[in-house]
Amino acid sequence: MSDPRDKAAATPPPTLGEGCLSRYDPEALSDEDGTEFPGAEALWEQTHPAADAETQ
């Protein structure tokens, strides 16, 4: 962007379905989409302890 007045823009990935059933197309997603969250599993276990007990 050589012109400082140019606006940055992001484009969401394609979706499947409509309304409440709308979701991102898994075939259109890549490693470039999303975020890195190394603590996700620990956070899930902390916030959902009953779910872990039911599956064991």
N, C-alpha and C. Protein backbone atom coordinates (compact mmCIF):
# COMPACT_ATOMS: atom_id res chain seq x y z
N MET A 1 0.85 -1.17 0.00
CA MET A 1 0.00 0.00 0.00
C MET A 1 0.89 1.23 0.00
N SER A 2 1.12 1.76 -1.15
CA SER A 2 1.96 2.94 -1.23
C SER A 2 1.19 4.22 -0.89
N ASP A 3 -0.11 4.23 -1.15
CA ASP A 3 -0.93 5.40 -0.83
C ASP A 3 -1.48 5.25 0.59
N PRO A 4 -1.12 6.14 1.53
CA PRO A 4 -1.59 6.00 2.92
C PRO A 4 -3.10 6.15 3.07
N ARG A 5 -3.77 6.65 2.05
CA ARG A 5 -5.23 6.79 2.12
C ARG A 5 -5.97 5.54 1.66
N ASP A 6 -5.23 4.57 1.10
CA ASP A 6 -5.86 3.31 0.72
C ASP A 6 -6.36 2.60 1.96
N LYS A 7 -7.53 2.02 1.87
CA LYS A 7 -8.10 1.31 3.01
C LYS A 7 -7.71 -0.16 2.94
N ALA A 8 -7.37 -0.70 4.07
CA ALA A 8 -7.12 -2.13 4.15
C ALA A 8 -8.46 -2.85 4.15
N ALA A 9 -8.49 -4.02 3.59
CA ALA A 9 -9.74 -4.77 3.56
C ALA A 9 -9.46 -6.25 3.78
N ALA A 10 -10.37 -6.89 4.45
CA ALA A 10 -10.29 -8.33 4.66
C ALA A 10 -11.50 -8.97 3.99
N THR A 11 -11.30 -10.14 3.46
CA THR A 11 -12.38 -10.86 2.81
C THR A 11 -12.62 -12.17 3.56
N PRO A 12 -13.82 -12.41 4.05
CA PRO A 12 -14.07 -13.67 4.75
C PRO A 12 -14.07 -14.84 3.77
N PRO A 13 -13.79 -16.04 4.27
CA PRO A 13 -13.81 -17.21 3.39
C PRO A 13 -15.24 -17.52 2.95
N PRO A 14 -15.40 -18.29 1.89
CA PRO A 14 -16.74 -18.66 1.42
C PRO A 14 -17.51 -19.45 2.49
N THR A 15 -18.82 -19.35 2.44
CA THR A 15 -19.66 -20.05 3.42
C THR A 15 -20.57 -21.05 2.73
N LEU A 16 -21.06 -21.99 3.52
CA LEU A 16 -22.06 -22.96 3.08
C LEU A 16 -23.30 -22.74 3.92
N GLY A 17 -24.46 -23.03 3.38
CA GLY A 17 -25.70 -22.88 4.13
C GLY A 17 -26.15 -21.44 4.21
N GLU A 18 -27.31 -21.26 4.83
CA GLU A 18 -27.88 -19.92 4.97
C GLU A 18 -28.40 -19.71 6.38
N GLY A 19 -28.48 -18.47 6.79
CA GLY A 19 -29.05 -18.12 8.09
C GLY A 19 -28.31 -18.77 9.24
N CYS A 20 -29.06 -19.40 10.15
CA CYS A 20 -28.47 -20.04 11.33
C CYS A 20 -27.57 -21.21 10.96
N LEU A 21 -27.74 -21.77 9.79
CA LEU A 21 -26.95 -22.92 9.36
C LEU A 21 -25.71 -22.51 8.57
N SER A 22 -25.46 -21.22 8.47
CA SER A 22 -24.30 -20.73 7.73
C SER A 22 -23.02 -21.10 8.45
N ARG A 23 -22.04 -21.61 7.70
CA ARG A 23 -20.74 -21.98 8.27
C ARG A 23 -19.69 -21.81 7.20
N TYR A 24 -18.44 -21.67 7.63
CA TYR A 24 -17.36 -21.53 6.67
C TYR A 24 -17.16 -22.85 5.94
N ASP A 25 -16.85 -22.77 4.66
CA ASP A 25 -16.59 -23.95 3.84
C ASP A 25 -15.25 -24.54 4.27
N PRO A 26 -15.23 -25.75 4.85
CA PRO A 26 -13.97 -26.32 5.33
C PRO A 26 -12.95 -26.55 4.22
N GLU A 27 -13.42 -26.79 3.00
CA GLU A 27 -12.50 -27.01 1.89
C GLU A 27 -11.82 -25.72 1.44
N ALA A 28 -12.41 -24.57 1.79
CA ALA A 28 -11.83 -23.29 1.40
C ALA A 28 -10.87 -22.75 2.45
N LEU A 29 -10.85 -23.37 3.65
CA LEU A 29 -9.99 -22.90 4.73
C LEU A 29 -8.59 -23.48 4.60
N SER A 30 -7.62 -22.73 5.09
CA SER A 30 -6.23 -23.18 5.07
C SER A 30 -5.58 -22.80 6.40
N ASP A 31 -4.30 -23.09 6.54
CA ASP A 31 -3.57 -22.72 7.75
C ASP A 31 -3.48 -21.21 7.93
N GLU A 32 -3.69 -20.46 6.87
CA GLU A 32 -3.65 -19.00 6.93
C GLU A 32 -4.89 -18.42 7.61
N ASP A 33 -5.97 -19.20 7.67
CA ASP A 33 -7.21 -18.75 8.30
C ASP A 33 -7.21 -19.14 9.77
N GLY A 34 -7.79 -18.31 10.59
CA GLY A 34 -7.90 -18.64 12.01
C GLY A 34 -6.80 -18.00 12.83
N THR A 35 -6.55 -18.59 13.98
CA THR A 35 -5.56 -18.05 14.90
C THR A 35 -4.86 -19.19 15.62
N GLU A 36 -3.70 -18.92 16.13
CA GLU A 36 -2.98 -19.91 16.92
C GLU A 36 -3.36 -19.70 18.38
N PHE A 37 -3.81 -20.73 19.04
CA PHE A 37 -4.27 -20.63 20.42
C PHE A 37 -3.79 -21.87 21.17
N PRO A 38 -2.52 -21.86 21.61
CA PRO A 38 -1.96 -23.05 22.25
C PRO A 38 -2.63 -23.42 23.57
N GLY A 39 -3.31 -22.50 24.22
CA GLY A 39 -3.96 -22.79 25.50
C GLY A 39 -5.42 -23.20 25.36
N ALA A 40 -5.88 -23.47 24.15
CA ALA A 40 -7.29 -23.77 23.93
C ALA A 40 -7.75 -25.01 24.68
N GLU A 41 -6.97 -26.07 24.65
CA GLU A 41 -7.38 -27.31 25.32
C GLU A 41 -7.48 -27.11 26.83
N ALA A 42 -6.51 -26.43 27.43
CA ALA A 42 -6.53 -26.18 28.87
C ALA A 42 -7.73 -25.30 29.25
N LEU A 43 -8.03 -24.29 28.45
CA LEU A 43 -9.17 -23.43 28.72
C LEU A 43 -10.47 -24.22 28.61
N TRP A 44 -10.58 -25.07 27.60
CA TRP A 44 -11.78 -25.89 27.43
C TRP A 44 -11.99 -26.78 28.65
N GLU A 45 -10.93 -27.44 29.11
CA GLU A 45 -11.04 -28.32 30.27
C GLU A 45 -11.42 -27.54 31.53
N GLN A 46 -10.93 -26.32 31.65
CA GLN A 46 -11.24 -25.48 32.81
C GLN A 46 -12.70 -25.04 32.80
N THR A 47 -13.23 -24.72 31.62
CA THR A 47 -14.59 -24.19 31.53
C THR A 47 -15.65 -25.27 31.34
N HIS A 48 -15.25 -26.49 30.98
CA HIS A 48 -16.21 -27.58 30.75
C HIS A 48 -15.80 -28.84 31.52
N PRO A 49 -15.66 -28.79 32.84
CA PRO A 49 -15.22 -29.98 33.58
C PRO A 49 -16.24 -31.12 33.56
N ALA A 50 -17.53 -30.82 33.51
CA ALA A 50 -18.56 -31.86 33.51
C ALA A 50 -18.54 -32.66 32.21
N ALA A 51 -18.25 -32.02 31.10
CA ALA A 51 -18.22 -32.70 29.81
C ALA A 51 -17.12 -33.75 29.80
N ASP A 52 -15.97 -33.46 30.42
CA ASP A 52 -14.88 -34.42 30.46
C ASP A 52 -15.25 -35.64 31.30
N ALA A 53 -15.95 -35.45 32.41
CA ALA A 53 -16.33 -36.54 33.30
C ALA A 53 -17.35 -37.47 32.62
N GLU A 54 -18.22 -36.90 31.79
CA GLU A 54 -19.24 -37.70 31.10
C GLU A 54 -18.64 -38.59 30.03
N THR A 55 -17.58 -38.16 29.37
CA THR A 55 -17.00 -38.93 28.28
C THR A 55 -16.07 -40.02 28.77
N GLN A 56 -15.68 -40.01 30.03
CA GLN A 56 -14.75 -41.02 30.54
C GLN A 56 -15.48 -42.19 31.13
